[in-house]
Protein backbone atom coordinates (compact mmCIF):
# COMPACT_ATOMS: atom_id res chain seq x y z
CA MET A 1 -3.56 1.70 -18.96
CA SER A 2 -1.92 -0.69 -16.27
CA ILE A 3 1.60 -0.98 -15.21
CA THR A 4 2.40 -4.72 -13.86
CA THR A 5 5.95 -4.68 -13.96
CA HIS A 6 8.01 -4.31 -11.14
CA ALA A 7 10.44 -0.93 -10.74
CA HIS A 8 13.39 -1.51 -8.26
CA THR A 9 14.01 2.51 -8.66
CA LEU A 10 11.84 5.37 -7.96
CA GLN A 11 13.21 6.73 -11.92
CA GLU A 12 12.35 3.30 -12.87
CA TYR A 13 9.20 3.69 -11.89
CA LEU A 14 8.39 6.80 -13.03
CA ASP A 15 9.58 5.84 -16.62
CA GLN A 16 6.86 2.93 -16.35
CA ALA A 17 4.08 5.33 -15.14
CA THR A 18 4.79 8.56 -17.86
CA PRO A 19 2.92 6.97 -20.65
CA VAL A 20 0.18 6.14 -18.60
CA LEU A 21 -0.32 9.18 -17.26
CA MET A 22 0.20 11.21 -20.46
CA GLU A 23 -3.33 9.60 -21.19
CA ILE A 24 -5.01 11.54 -19.14
CA PRO A 25 -6.25 14.50 -20.68
CA GLY A 26 -4.87 18.37 -19.76
CA LEU A 27 -1.72 16.67 -17.46
CA SER A 28 1.17 17.57 -19.70
CA GLU A 29 -0.49 21.03 -20.18
CA LEU A 30 -0.69 21.44 -16.41
CA LEU A 31 2.94 20.22 -15.85
CA HIS A 32 3.99 22.22 -18.23
CA ALA A 33 1.65 25.57 -17.29
CA ASP A 34 2.94 28.51 -15.78
CA GLY A 35 1.14 30.65 -13.30
CA ASP A 36 -0.99 32.80 -15.62
CA SER A 37 -2.57 29.53 -17.50
CA TYR A 38 -2.71 27.39 -14.56
CA ASP A 39 -6.09 27.91 -13.06
CA ARG A 40 -7.76 28.26 -16.68
CA LEU A 41 -6.39 24.77 -17.33
CA ALA A 42 -7.07 23.61 -13.69
CA GLU A 43 -10.32 24.35 -14.28
CA LYS A 44 -10.46 22.25 -17.49
CA TYR A 45 -9.16 19.07 -16.53
CA PRO A 46 -9.65 18.26 -13.03
CA ASP A 47 -8.69 14.46 -13.13
CA ALA A 48 -5.56 15.59 -14.65
CA VAL A 49 -5.83 18.26 -11.28
CA PHE A 50 -6.21 15.29 -8.66
CA THR A 51 -3.86 13.20 -10.32
CA LEU A 52 -1.04 15.68 -9.92
CA ILE A 53 -2.41 16.23 -6.08
CA ALA A 54 -1.45 12.31 -5.54
CA MET A 55 1.75 12.62 -7.77
CA ASN A 56 3.06 15.60 -5.57
CA ASN A 57 2.28 13.89 -2.18
CA LEU A 58 3.81 10.19 -2.86
CA PHE A 59 6.48 10.76 -0.21
CA HIS A 60 5.33 12.71 2.80
CA HIS A 61 6.79 12.85 6.65
CA ASP A 62 3.61 11.23 7.54
CA ARG A 63 3.06 7.89 6.52
CA GLU A 64 -0.61 7.61 6.78
CA PHE A 65 -1.00 10.59 4.45
CA SER A 66 1.63 9.24 1.74
CA GLU A 67 -0.08 5.89 1.92
CA ILE A 68 -3.34 7.45 1.15
CA HIS A 69 -1.71 9.42 -2.00
CA GLN A 70 0.19 6.15 -3.33
CA GLU A 71 -3.33 4.20 -3.04
CA ALA A 72 -4.84 6.65 -5.25
CA PHE A 73 -2.10 7.03 -7.47
CA ALA A 74 -1.49 3.28 -7.70
CA SER A 75 -5.26 3.17 -8.75
CA ILE A 76 -5.06 5.34 -11.72
CA LEU A 77 -1.83 3.92 -12.79
CA ASP A 78 -3.70 0.70 -12.96
CA GLY A 79 -6.70 2.16 -15.39
CA GLU A 80 -9.09 3.10 -12.49
CA ASN A 81 -11.93 5.74 -12.95
CA ILE A 82 -10.22 8.91 -11.62
CA PRO A 83 -13.32 10.21 -10.26
CA SER A 84 -13.91 6.37 -8.08
CA VAL A 85 -10.40 6.86 -7.15
CA GLN A 86 -10.91 10.88 -5.80
CA PHE A 87 -14.57 9.70 -4.44
CA ARG A 88 -12.48 6.72 -2.02
CA TYR A 89 -9.29 9.44 -1.35
CA SER A 90 -11.88 11.95 -0.28
CA HIS A 91 -13.31 9.42 2.45
CA ARG A 92 -9.67 8.26 3.27
CA MET A 93 -8.70 11.85 3.68
CA ASP A 94 -11.56 13.34 5.52
CA ALA A 95 -11.10 9.86 7.69
CA TYR A 96 -7.37 10.75 8.37
CA THR A 97 -7.77 14.84 8.88
CA CYS A 98 -10.66 13.98 11.43
CA GLU A 99 -8.17 11.53 12.89
CA LYS A 100 -5.23 13.52 12.91
CA ARG A 101 -7.46 16.86 14.57
CA ARG A 102 -8.92 14.31 17.39
CA GLY A 103 -4.82 13.57 18.32
CA LEU A 104 -4.23 17.39 18.23
CA THR A 105 -7.40 18.51 20.32
CA GLY A 106 -7.57 15.37 22.94
CA ILE A 107 -11.08 15.50 21.97
CA SER A 108 -13.59 12.89 20.64
CA LEU A 109 -14.76 14.39 17.73
CA GLN A 110 -17.91 13.29 15.47
CA CYS A 111 -16.06 12.61 11.94
CA SER A 112 -18.43 10.44 10.66
CA LYS A 113 -20.22 12.13 7.43
CA GLN A 114 -23.45 10.45 5.69
CA ILE A 115 -22.96 9.29 2.48
CA ARG A 116 -25.80 9.64 -0.03
């Protein structure tokens, strides 16, 4: 479930990623879901929802935000366990969010969490 060849365009990348992505339970259904069925499917397929979040944020005006999502997406495509990818992603997003809040407020915030 890994993509090892190099892509030169976004379309090539997506073409290579599609077979791997379609192996994620529920992803195809979520991609084609309407508003009525999306919430029900999202509850049933949390790994697919997380994959969509990563996919939908690959290119963002904030470079660090994009890099966090690109790293998560690449890890999924490399076949890593999605809950493990999501765990790392959550910690990186927490740090990113804290840093952004600190920058906006100019206040030194206590942002580190104890990992249990």
